C-alpha atoms as a PDB file:
ATOM      1  CA  MET A   1       4.264 -50.226-121.955  1.00  0.00           C
ATOM      2  CA  ASP A   2       2.337 -50.537-118.735  1.00  0.00           C
ATOM      3  CA  ILE A   3       5.060 -52.842-117.435  1.00  0.00           C
ATOM      4  CA  VAL A   4       7.706 -50.200-118.193  1.00  0.00           C
ATOM      5  CA  PHE A   5       5.730 -47.485-116.435  1.00  0.00           C
ATOM      6  CA  SER A   6       5.133 -49.797-113.495  1.00  0.00           C
ATOM      7  CA  ALA A   7       8.874 -50.516-113.214  1.00  0.00           C
ATOM      8  CA  LEU A   8       9.704 -46.822-113.439  1.00  0.00           C
ATOM      9  CA  GLY A   9       7.148 -46.086-110.722  1.00  0.00           C
ATOM     10  CA  THR A  10       8.685 -48.693-108.494  1.00  0.00           C
ATOM     11  CA  ILE A  11      12.158 -47.236-109.044  1.00  0.00           C
ATOM     12  CA  VAL A  12      10.941 -43.714-108.341  1.00  0.00           C
ATOM     13  CA  ALA A  13       9.149 -44.858-105.190  1.00  0.00           C
ATOM     14  CA  PHE A  14      12.226 -46.733-104.013  1.00  0.00           C
ATOM     15  CA  PHE A  15      14.393 -43.704-104.748  1.00  0.00           C
ATOM     16  CA  GLY A  16      11.986 -41.438-102.895  1.00  0.00           C
ATOM     17  CA  LEU A  17      11.934 -43.690 -99.888  1.00  0.00           C
ATOM     18  CA  SER A  18      15.727 -43.851 -99.944  1.00  0.00           C
ATOM     19  CA  VAL A  19      15.895 -40.064-100.020  1.00  0.00           C
ATOM     20  CA  VAL A  20      13.430 -39.756 -97.150  1.00  0.00           C
ATOM     21  CA  PHE A  21      15.031 -42.377 -94.940  1.00  0.00           C
ATOM     22  CA  GLY A  22      18.524 -41.199 -95.848  1.00  0.00           C
ATOM     23  CA  SER A  23      17.708 -37.666 -94.714  1.00  0.00           C
ATOM     24  CA  PHE A  24      16.967 -38.604 -91.104  1.00  0.00           C
ATOM     25  CA  PHE A  25      19.208 -40.056 -88.400  1.00  0.00           C
ATOM     26  CA  THR A  26      19.167 -40.406 -84.632  1.00  0.00           C
ATOM     27  CA  VAL A  27      21.775 -39.469 -82.028  1.00  0.00           C
ATOM     28  CA  LYS A  28      21.884 -41.152 -78.610  1.00  0.00           C
ATOM     29  CA  THR A  29      21.993 -39.317 -75.284  1.00  0.00           C
ATOM     30  CA  ALA A  30      25.487 -38.253 -74.169  1.00  0.00           C
ATOM     31  CA  GLU A  31      26.645 -38.434 -77.777  1.00  0.00           C
ATOM     32  CA  ALA A  32      27.265 -36.034 -80.661  1.00  0.00           C
ATOM     33  CA  ALA A  33      27.192 -36.723 -84.420  1.00  0.00           C
ATOM     34  CA  ILE A  34      29.686 -35.191 -86.874  1.00  0.00           C
ATOM     35  CA  ILE A  35      28.053 -34.000 -90.127  1.00  0.00           C
ATOM     36  CA  THR A  36      30.264 -33.314 -93.161  1.00  0.00           C
ATOM     37  CA  ARG A  37      29.516 -32.067 -96.674  1.00  0.00           C
ATOM     38  CA  PHE A  38      31.771 -33.365 -99.397  1.00  0.00           C
ATOM     39  CA  GLY A  39      34.339 -34.188 -96.697  1.00  0.00           C
ATOM     40  CA  GLN A  40      34.179 -30.771 -95.019  1.00  0.00           C
ATOM     41  CA  TYR A  41      32.946 -30.376 -91.454  1.00  0.00           C
ATOM     42  CA  VAL A  42      29.533 -28.727 -91.308  1.00  0.00           C
ATOM     43  CA  ARG A  43      28.122 -29.088 -87.799  1.00  0.00           C
ATOM     44  CA  CYS A  44      27.573 -31.286 -84.737  1.00  0.00           C
ATOM     45  CA  ALA A  45      24.192 -32.893 -84.308  1.00  0.00           C
ATOM     46  CA  ALA A  46      22.716 -32.999 -80.809  1.00  0.00           C
ATOM     47  CA  PRO A  47      20.991 -36.066 -79.300  1.00  0.00           C
ATOM     48  CA  GLY A  48      17.584 -36.933 -80.819  1.00  0.00           C
ATOM     49  CA  LEU A  49      16.236 -37.047 -84.357  1.00  0.00           C
ATOM     50  CA  GLY A  50      18.409 -35.218 -86.891  1.00  0.00           C
ATOM     51  CA  TRP A  51      18.150 -34.270 -90.561  1.00  0.00           C
ATOM     52  CA  LYS A  52      20.732 -33.889 -93.293  1.00  0.00           C
ATOM     53  CA  ILE A  53      20.674 -33.187 -97.020  1.00  0.00           C
ATOM     54  CA  PRO A  54      20.514 -36.513 -98.781  1.00  0.00           C
ATOM     55  CA  PHE A  55      23.496 -37.529-100.925  1.00  0.00           C
ATOM     56  CA  ILE A  56      25.255 -34.287 -99.990  1.00  0.00           C
ATOM     57  CA  ASP A  57      25.613 -34.320 -96.214  1.00  0.00           C
ATOM     58  CA  ARG A  58      27.171 -37.337 -94.552  1.00  0.00           C
ATOM     59  CA  LEU A  59      27.201 -38.676 -90.998  1.00  0.00           C
ATOM     60  CA  ASP A  60      30.987 -38.937 -90.640  1.00  0.00           C
ATOM     61  CA  GLY A  61      31.202 -40.194 -87.050  1.00  0.00           C
ATOM     62  CA  ARG A  62      29.983 -40.069 -83.498  1.00  0.00           C
ATOM     63  CA  VAL A  63      31.682 -38.681 -80.373  1.00  0.00           C
ATOM     64  CA  SER A  64      30.839 -39.997 -76.889  1.00  0.00           C
ATOM     65  CA  LEU A  65      30.414 -37.335 -74.206  1.00  0.00           C
ATOM     66  CA  ARG A  66      30.614 -39.849 -71.352  1.00  0.00           C
ATOM     67  CA  VAL A  67      33.516 -40.111 -68.926  1.00  0.00           C
ATOM     68  CA  ASN A  68      36.008 -42.561 -70.330  1.00  0.00           C
ATOM     69  CA  GLN A  69      38.625 -44.305 -68.201  1.00  0.00           C
ATOM     70  CA  ILE A  70      42.062 -45.048 -69.635  1.00  0.00           C
ATOM     71  CA  VAL A  71      44.136 -47.557 -67.660  1.00  0.00           C
ATOM     72  CA  LEU A  72      47.885 -47.124 -68.105  1.00  0.00           C
ATOM     73  CA  THR A  73      50.862 -48.926 -66.611  1.00  0.00           C
ATOM     74  CA  MET A  74      54.101 -46.996 -66.151  1.00  0.00           C
ATOM     75  CA  GLU A  75      57.449 -48.596 -65.307  1.00  0.00           C
ATOM     76  CA  THR A  76      60.278 -46.451 -63.989  1.00  0.00           C
ATOM     77  CA  LYS A  77      63.205 -46.407 -61.561  1.00  0.00           C
ATOM     78  CA  THR A  78      63.388 -44.632 -58.211  1.00  0.00           C
ATOM     79  CA  ARG A  79      66.312 -42.652 -56.835  1.00  0.00           C
ATOM     80  CA  ASP A  80      67.503 -45.674 -54.828  1.00  0.00           C
ATOM     81  CA  ASN A  81      67.616 -47.788 -58.034  1.00  0.00           C
ATOM     82  CA  VAL A  82      64.420 -49.785 -57.523  1.00  0.00           C
ATOM     83  CA  PHE A  83      62.249 -50.479 -60.561  1.00  0.00           C
ATOM     84  CA  VAL A  84      58.566 -49.979 -59.859  1.00  0.00           C
ATOM     85  CA  THR A  85      55.394 -50.448 -61.876  1.00  0.00           C
ATOM     86  CA  ILE A  86      52.755 -47.757 -61.384  1.00  0.00           C
ATOM     87  CA  PRO A  87      49.171 -48.441 -62.566  1.00  0.00           C
ATOM     88  CA  ILE A  88      47.449 -45.130 -63.391  1.00  0.00           C
ATOM     89  CA  SER A  89      43.778 -44.579 -64.227  1.00  0.00           C
ATOM     90  CA  VAL A  90      42.985 -41.418 -66.212  1.00  0.00           C
ATOM     91  CA  GLN A  91      39.326 -40.404 -66.417  1.00  0.00           C
ATOM     92  CA  THR A  92      38.610 -38.126 -69.376  1.00  0.00           C
ATOM     93  CA  ARG A  93      35.678 -36.794 -71.359  1.00  0.00           C
ATOM     94  CA  VAL A  94      35.148 -34.602 -74.397  1.00  0.00           C
ATOM     95  CA  ARG A  95      34.154 -31.005 -73.725  1.00  0.00           C
ATOM     96  CA  PRO A  96      30.738 -30.381 -75.376  1.00  0.00           C
ATOM     97  CA  GLU A  97      31.873 -27.006 -76.703  1.00  0.00           C
ATOM     98  CA  LYS A  98      35.022 -28.501 -78.284  1.00  0.00           C
ATOM     99  CA  ILE A  99      33.712 -31.547 -80.114  1.00  0.00           C
ATOM    100  CA  PHE A 100      35.366 -30.437 -83.363  1.00  0.00           C
ATOM    101  CA  GLU A 101      38.827 -30.256 -81.734  1.00  0.00           C
ATOM    102  CA  ALA A 102      38.390 -33.603 -79.962  1.00  0.00           C
ATOM    103  CA  TYR A 103      37.329 -35.364 -83.173  1.00  0.00           C
ATOM    104  CA  TYR A 104      39.817 -33.875 -85.626  1.00  0.00           C
ATOM    105  CA  SER A 105      42.868 -32.888 -83.552  1.00  0.00           C
ATOM    106  CA  LEU A 106      44.070 -36.292 -82.336  1.00  0.00           C
ATOM    107  CA  SER A 107      44.225 -39.469 -84.345  1.00  0.00           C
ATOM    108  CA  ASP A 108      44.853 -41.603 -81.220  1.00  0.00           C
ATOM    109  CA  PRO A 109      43.802 -39.806 -77.999  1.00  0.00           C
ATOM    110  CA  VAL A 110      44.757 -42.747 -75.757  1.00  0.00           C
ATOM    111  CA  ALA A 111      48.331 -42.845 -77.041  1.00  0.00           C
ATOM    112  CA  GLN A 112      48.608 -39.059 -76.731  1.00  0.00           C
ATOM    113  CA  ILE A 113      47.407 -39.102 -73.112  1.00  0.00           C
ATOM    114  CA  GLN A 114      49.775 -41.970 -72.316  1.00  0.00           C
ATOM    115  CA  SER A 115      52.704 -39.940 -73.656  1.00  0.00           C
ATOM    116  CA  TYR A 116      51.854 -37.019 -71.382  1.00  0.00           C
ATOM    117  CA  VAL A 117      51.450 -39.329 -68.385  1.00  0.00           C
ATOM    118  CA  GLU A 118      54.842 -40.935 -69.034  1.00  0.00           C
ATOM    119  CA  GLN A 119      56.428 -37.509 -69.273  1.00  0.00           C
ATOM    120  CA  VAL A 120      55.032 -36.428 -65.887  1.00  0.00           C
ATOM    121  CA  VAL A 121      55.813 -39.722 -64.114  1.00  0.00           C
ATOM    122  CA  LEU A 122      59.372 -39.830 -65.450  1.00  0.00           C
ATOM    123  CA  GLY A 123      59.814 -36.274 -64.256  1.00  0.00           C
ATOM    124  CA  HIS A 124      58.782 -37.036 -60.659  1.00  0.00           C
ATOM    125  CA  VAL A 125      59.444 -40.639 -59.640  1.00  0.00           C
ATOM    126  CA  PRO A 126      63.196 -40.883 -60.480  1.00  0.00           C
ATOM    127  CA  GLY A 127      63.866 -38.105 -57.965  1.00  0.00           C
ATOM    128  CA  MET A 128      62.169 -39.991 -55.104  1.00  0.00           C
ATOM    129  CA  THR A 129      63.157 -42.963 -53.012  1.00  0.00           C
ATOM    130  CA  LEU A 130      60.898 -46.005 -52.903  1.00  0.00           C
ATOM    131  CA  ASP A 131      59.470 -44.980 -49.529  1.00  0.00           C
ATOM    132  CA  GLU A 132      58.803 -41.459 -50.822  1.00  0.00           C
ATOM    133  CA  VAL A 133      57.013 -42.873 -53.877  1.00  0.00           C
ATOM    134  CA  PHE A 134      54.708 -44.909 -51.616  1.00  0.00           C
ATOM    135  CA  ALA A 135      54.046 -41.805 -49.518  1.00  0.00           C
ATOM    136  CA  SER A 136      53.473 -39.530 -52.551  1.00  0.00           C
ATOM    137  CA  GLN A 137      50.830 -41.382 -54.569  1.00  0.00           C
ATOM    138  CA  SER A 138      48.354 -38.522 -54.268  1.00  0.00           C
ATOM    139  CA  SER A 139      50.963 -35.893 -55.208  1.00  0.00           C
ATOM    140  CA  ILE A 140      51.974 -37.904 -58.294  1.00  0.00           C
ATOM    141  CA  ALA A 141      48.320 -38.142 -59.336  1.00  0.00           C
ATOM    142  CA  ALA A 142      47.829 -34.398 -58.758  1.00  0.00           C
ATOM    143  CA  ALA A 143      50.908 -33.571 -60.862  1.00  0.00           C
ATOM    144  CA  VAL A 144      49.695 -35.788 -63.724  1.00  0.00           C
ATOM    145  CA  LYS A 145      46.226 -34.221 -63.616  1.00  0.00           C
ATOM    146  CA  GLN A 146      47.624 -30.688 -63.573  1.00  0.00           C
ATOM    147  CA  GLU A 147      49.846 -31.383 -66.582  1.00  0.00           C
ATOM    148  CA  LEU A 148      47.096 -33.126 -68.547  1.00  0.00           C
ATOM    149  CA  ASP A 149      44.528 -30.405 -67.800  1.00  0.00           C
ATOM    150  CA  VAL A 150      46.722 -27.820 -69.497  1.00  0.00           C
ATOM    151  CA  ASP A 151      47.912 -29.923 -72.429  1.00  0.00           C
ATOM    152  CA  MET A 152      44.673 -31.754 -73.307  1.00  0.00           C
ATOM    153  CA  ALA A 153      42.401 -28.710 -73.035  1.00  0.00           C
ATOM    154  CA  ALA A 154      43.624 -27.509 -76.447  1.00  0.00           C
ATOM    155  CA  PHE A 155      42.489 -30.824 -77.945  1.00  0.00           C
ATOM    156  CA  GLY A 156      38.999 -30.610 -76.507  1.00  0.00           C
ATOM    157  CA  TYR A 157      39.466 -33.078 -73.638  1.00  0.00           C
ATOM    158  CA  GLU A 158      38.736 -32.512 -69.960  1.00  0.00           C
ATOM    159  CA  ILE A 159      40.661 -34.513 -67.332  1.00  0.00           C
ATOM    160  CA  VAL A 160      38.076 -35.462 -64.726  1.00  0.00           C
ATOM    161  CA  ASN A 161      40.442 -37.303 -62.380  1.00  0.00           C
ATOM    162  CA  VAL A 162      43.759 -39.138 -62.240  1.00  0.00           C
ATOM    163  CA  LEU A 163      44.213 -42.047 -59.839  1.00  0.00           C
ATOM    164  CA  VAL A 164      47.482 -43.763 -58.934  1.00  0.00           C
ATOM    165  CA  THR A 165      45.980 -47.062 -57.832  1.00  0.00           C
ATOM    166  CA  ASP A 166      49.128 -48.869 -56.685  1.00  0.00           C
ATOM    167  CA  ILE A 167      52.923 -48.921 -56.440  1.00  0.00           C
ATOM    168  CA  VAL A 168      54.298 -52.321 -57.410  1.00  0.00           C
ATOM    169  CA  PRO A 169      58.033 -52.877 -56.833  1.00  0.00           C
ATOM    170  CA  ASP A 170      59.915 -55.986 -57.917  1.00  0.00           C
ATOM    171  CA  GLN A 171      58.884 -59.142 -56.066  1.00  0.00           C
ATOM    172  CA  LYS A 172      62.323 -59.535 -54.486  1.00  0.00           C
ATOM    173  CA  VAL A 173      62.268 -55.936 -53.282  1.00  0.00           C
ATOM    174  CA  LYS A 174      58.792 -56.444 -51.826  1.00  0.00           C
ATOM    175  CA  ALA A 175      59.970 -59.574 -50.003  1.00  0.00           C
ATOM    176  CA  ALA A 176      63.013 -57.694 -48.658  1.00  0.00           C
ATOM    177  CA  MET A 177      60.773 -54.844 -47.438  1.00  0.00           C
ATOM    178  CA  ASN A 178      58.534 -57.337 -45.662  1.00  0.00           C
ATOM    179  CA  ASP A 179      61.596 -58.940 -44.033  1.00  0.00           C
ATOM    180  CA  ILE A 180      62.871 -55.547 -42.864  1.00  0.00           C
ATOM    181  CA  ASN A 181      59.471 -54.652 -41.449  1.00  0.00           C
ATOM    182  CA  ALA A 182      59.191 -58.027 -39.717  1.00  0.00           C
ATOM    183  CA  ALA A 183      62.698 -57.644 -38.250  1.00  0.00           C
ATOM    184  CA  GLN A 184      61.877 -54.161 -36.936  1.00  0.00           C
ATOM    185  CA  ARG A 185      58.679 -55.400 -35.341  1.00  0.00           C
ATOM    186  CA  GLU A 186      60.523 -58.362 -33.833  1.00  0.00           C
ATOM    187  CA  GLN A 187      63.111 -55.953 -32.398  1.00  0.00           C
ATOM    188  CA  VAL A 188      60.363 -53.857 -30.824  1.00  0.00           C
ATOM    189  CA  ALA A 189      58.756 -57.006 -29.436  1.00  0.00           C
ATOM    190  CA  ALA A 190      62.116 -58.224 -28.070  1.00  0.00           C
ATOM    191  CA  ASN A 191      62.686 -54.855 -26.358  1.00  0.00           C
ATOM    192  CA  ALA A 192      59.223 -55.042 -24.843  1.00  0.00           C
ATOM    193  CA  ARG A 193      59.829 -58.596 -23.614  1.00  0.00           C
ATOM    194  CA  GLY A 194      63.215 -57.548 -22.197  1.00  0.00           C
ATOM    195  CA  GLU A 195      61.672 -54.619 -20.347  1.00  0.00           C
ATOM    196  CA  ALA A 196      58.952 -56.898 -18.973  1.00  0.00           C
ATOM    197  CA  GLU A 197      61.518 -59.457 -17.789  1.00  0.00           C
ATOM    198  CA  LYS A 198      63.625 -56.658 -16.288  1.00  0.00           C
ATOM    199  CA  ILE A 199      60.636 -55.367 -14.353  1.00  0.00           C
ATOM    200  CA  LEU A 200      59.887 -58.880 -13.109  1.00  0.00           C
ATOM    201  CA  VAL A 201      63.501 -59.400 -11.993  1.00  0.00           C
ATOM    202  CA  VAL A 202      63.621 -56.009 -10.258  1.00  0.00           C
ATOM    203  CA  LYS A 203      60.305 -56.596  -8.531  1.00  0.00           C
ATOM    204  CA  LYS A 204      61.402 -60.075  -7.485  1.00  0.00           C
ATOM    205  CA  ALA A 205      64.682 -58.719  -6.102  1.00  0.00           C
ATOM    206  CA  GLU A 206      62.826 -55.988  -4.248  1.00  0.00           C
ATOM    207  CA  ALA A 207      60.435 -58.567  -2.840  1.00  0.00           C
ATOM    208  CA  GLU A 208      63.333 -60.824  -1.775  1.00  0.00           C
ATOM    209  CA  ALA A 209      65.156 -57.889  -0.194  1.00  0.00           C
ATOM    210  CA  GLU A 210      62.056 -56.892   1.717  1.00  0.00           C
ATOM    211  CA  SER A 211      61.495 -60.518   2.692  1.00  0.00           C
ATOM    212  CA  LYS A 212      65.085 -60.865   3.918  1.00  0.00           C
ATOM    213  CA  ALA A 213      64.792 -57.649   5.888  1.00  0.00           C
ATOM    214  CA  LEU A 214      61.587 -58.805   7.526  1.00  0.00           C
ATOM    215  CA  GLN A 215      63.106 -62.241   8.118  1.00  0.00           C
ATOM    216  CA  GLY A 216      66.166 -60.647   9.745  1.00  0.00           C
ATOM    217  CA  GLN A 217      63.945 -58.562  11.967  1.00  0.00           C
ATOM    218  CA  GLY A 218      62.046 -61.678  12.922  1.00  0.00           C
ATOM    219  CA  ILE A 219      65.243 -63.603  13.720  1.00  0.00           C
ATOM    220  CA  ALA A 220      66.573 -60.664  15.737  1.00  0.00           C
ATOM    221  CA  ASN A 221      63.343 -60.437  17.699  1.00  0.00           C
ATOM    222  CA  GLN A 222      63.384 -64.195  18.179  1.00  0.00           C
ATOM    223  CA  ARG A 223      66.948 -64.174  19.527  1.00  0.00           C
ATOM    224  CA  ARG A 224      66.185 -61.238  21.761  1.00  0.00           C
ATOM    225  CA  ALA A 225      63.238 -63.101  23.176  1.00  0.00           C
ATOM    226  CA  ILE A 226      65.366 -66.245  23.640  1.00  0.00           C
ATOM    227  CA  ILE A 227      68.066 -64.265  25.446  1.00  0.00           C
ATOM    228  CA  GLU A 228      65.502 -62.634  27.706  1.00  0.00           C
ATOM    229  CA  GLY A 229      63.920 -65.991  28.405  1.00  0.00           C
ATOM    230  CA  LEU A 230      67.276 -67.626  29.156  1.00  0.00           C
ATOM    231  CA  SER A 231      68.213 -64.791  31.476  1.00  0.00           C
ATOM    232  CA  THR A 232      64.993 -65.247  33.384  1.00  0.00           C
ATOM    233  CA  SER A 233      65.476 -69.027  33.472  1.00  0.00           C
ATOM    234  CA  ILE A 234      69.071 -68.754  34.735  1.00  0.00           C
ATOM    235  CA  GLU A 235      68.085 -66.324  37.496  1.00  0.00           C
ATOM    236  CA  GLY A 236      65.254 -68.629  38.550  1.00  0.00           C
ATOM    237  CA  PHE A 237      67.545 -71.667  38.409  1.00  0.00           C
ATOM    238  CA  GLN A 238      70.170 -69.997  40.616  1.00  0.00           C
ATOM    239  CA  LYS A 239      67.552 -68.857  43.102  1.00  0.00           C
ATOM    240  CA  ALA A 240      66.067 -72.347  43.297  1.00  0.00           C
ATOM    241  CA  LEU A 241      69.324 -74.254  43.759  1.00  0.00           C
ATOM    242  CA  GLY A 242      71.418 -71.582  45.376  1.00  0.00           C
ATOM    243  CA  THR A 243      74.691 -73.502  44.927  1.00  0.00           C
ATOM    244  CA  ALA A 244      74.523 -73.699  41.090  1.00  0.00           C
ATOM    245  CA  THR A 245      77.572 -72.338  39.338  1.00  0.00           C
ATOM    246  CA  ALA A 246      77.760 -70.607  35.968  1.00  0.00           C
ATOM    247  CA  HIS A 247      79.135 -73.845  34.553  1.00  0.00           C
ATOM    248  CA  ASP A 248      76.060 -75.739  35.638  1.00  0.00           C
ATOM    249  CA  VAL A 249      73.732 -73.113  34.229  1.00  0.00           C
ATOM    250  CA  MET A 250      75.543 -73.119  30.893  1.00  0.00           C
ATOM    251  CA  GLN A 251      75.340 -76.912  30.730  1.00  0.00           C
ATOM    252  CA  LEU A 252      71.587 -76.734  31.289  1.00  0.00           C
ATOM    253  CA  VAL A 253      71.178 -74.125  28.571  1.00  0.00           C
ATOM    254  CA  LEU A 254      73.253 -76.104  26.089  1.00  0.00           C
ATOM    255  CA  VAL A 255      71.330 -79.307  26.738  1.00  0.00           C
ATOM    256  CA  THR A 256      68.062 -77.428  26.320  1.00  0.00           C
ATOM    257  CA  GLN A 257      69.228 -75.969  23.010  1.00  0.00           C
ATOM    258  CA  TYR A 258      70.423 -79.401  21.908  1.00  0.00           C
ATOM    259  CA  PHE A 259      67.026 -80.983  22.432  1.00  0.00           C
ATOM    260  CA  ASP A 260      65.252 -77.997  20.819  1.00  0.00           C
ATOM    261  CA  THR A 261      67.438 -78.504  17.738  1.00  0.00           C
ATOM    262  CA  LEU A 262      66.530 -82.187  17.548  1.00  0.00           C
ATOM    263  CA  LYS A 263      62.871 -81.264  17.834  1.00  0.00           C
ATOM    264  CA  SER A 264      63.112 -78.711  14.978  1.00  0.00           C
ATOM    265  CA  ILE A 265      64.846 -81.246  12.740  1.00  0.00           C
ATOM    266  CA  GLY A 266      62.188 -83.844  13.419  1.00  0.00           C
ATOM    267  CA  GLU A 267      59.308 -81.442  12.722  1.00  0.00           C
ATOM    268  CA  ASN A 268      60.619 -80.429   9.247  1.00  0.00           C
ATOM    269  CA  ASP A 269      59.416 -82.998   6.694  1.00  0.00           C
ATOM    270  CA  LYS A 270      61.908 -81.717   4.058  1.00  0.00           C
ATOM    271  CA  THR A 271      65.007 -82.252   6.214  1.00  0.00           C
ATOM    272  CA  ASN A 272      67.530 -84.794   4.937  1.00  0.00           C
ATOM    273  CA  THR A 273      68.608 -87.690   7.170  1.00  0.00           C
ATOM    274  CA  ILE A 274      71.155 -86.705   9.875  1.00  0.00           C
ATOM    275  CA  PHE A 275      73.005 -89.240  12.029  1.00  0.00           C
ATOM    276  CA  LEU A 276      73.755 -87.992  15.516  1.00  0.00           C
ATOM    277  CA  SER A 277      75.379 -89.764  18.435  1.00  0.00           C
ATOM    278  CA  HIS A 278      72.486 -89.449  20.852  1.00  0.00           C
ATOM    279  CA  THR A 279      73.642 -90.812  24.241  1.00  0.00           C
ATOM    280  CA  PRO A 280      74.073 -89.098  27.615  1.00  0.00           C
ATOM    281  CA  GLY A 281      77.836 -89.426  27.241  1.00  0.00           C
ATOM    282  CA  ALA A 282      77.685 -87.803  23.827  1.00  0.00           C
ATOM    283  CA  VAL A 283      75.631 -84.922  25.168  1.00  0.00           C
ATOM    284  CA  GLN A 284      78.182 -84.471  27.977  1.00  0.00           C
ATOM    285  CA  SER A 285      81.027 -84.512  25.454  1.00  0.00           C
ATOM    286  CA  ILE A 286      79.329 -81.935  23.230  1.00  0.00           C
ATOM    287  CA  THR A 287      78.696 -79.687  26.235  1.00  0.00           C
ATOM    288  CA  GLU A 288      82.302 -79.831  27.352  1.00  0.00           C
ATOM    289  CA  GLU A 289      83.614 -79.073  23.871  1.00  0.00           C
ATOM    290  CA  ILE A 290      81.391 -76.028  23.577  1.00  0.00           C
ATOM    291  CA  MET A 291      82.428 -74.824  27.024  1.00  0.00           C
ATOM    292  CA  GLN A 292      86.117 -75.221  26.208  1.00  0.00           C
ATOM    293  CA  SER A 293      85.647 -73.270  23.021  1.00  0.00           C
ATOM    294  CA  MET A 294      83.969 -70.423  24.882  1.00  0.00           C
ATOM    295  CA  VAL A 295      86.711 -70.371  27.537  1.00  0.00           C
ATOM    296  CA  ALA A 296      89.421 -70.330  24.869  1.00  0.00           C
ATOM    297  CA  ALA A 297      87.638 -67.466  23.116  1.00  0.00           C
ATOM    298  CA  ASN A 298      87.498 -65.444  26.320  1.00  0.00           C
ATOM    299  CA  THR A 299      91.185 -66.106  26.946  1.00  0.00           C
ATOM    300  CA  VAL A 300      92.126 -64.799  23.496  1.00  0.00           C
ATOM    301  CA  LYS A 301      90.153 -61.619  24.150  1.00  0.00           C
END
């Protein structure tokens, strides 16, 4: 009999402990617990130590109040018939005042949010060109957030932010875009090189023109000085000899010029080899030929 009472006492104690420990539960920070009674929603338990009626109330589930990020990948076609993949990050959280709606309204919140995102993206991207899509990442994200804010608020979800992290066209399209960009940059570089070469050519031509002009002035001054010097020499030669004719003076001038030419040729180290008949008779012959040419020219005039 004592054994029976001892067993009953143990059962009662175990049952009592089960009732006590089954009545208490804990809820973590940034979390809410759903309490139901015979399958019917009763209340939400706040973070900390909670109590429920044993065997009647039940801890049906827990809802996180933290910001949750959903990463989606959308594939669509642009207006210029380019297929692009758009990674989208949607940051959501459950509104503390609408825990009941968030827990019971949607069976699969991620799939529901993805459907809304697809609807917004397919409503915007097909009307843009590929370049416009790249330039409108922020506007696409803003449109998705605006649409989700309105639609998901009824289900107890708040859309914290929507980020369009990238625009990924087909690999061949990306390679073609890089080629086009490289060709455009090469064209700009070629134009710049052409302009630089043009400036160099123009500056060189200007420098040569200025050099030629200065060289011409120098030659003109040199010839003027030679003429003045020859005039002075001829006058002095006639005064000294008295009986010298113009023919004699011209012969002297030509011989002087002849020897000056030989001297100039000899002083230039880059001059090619020149064979000249250098004898007194040859000098006399050259002088006479030049004189005859000058006389013939005067006769023609």
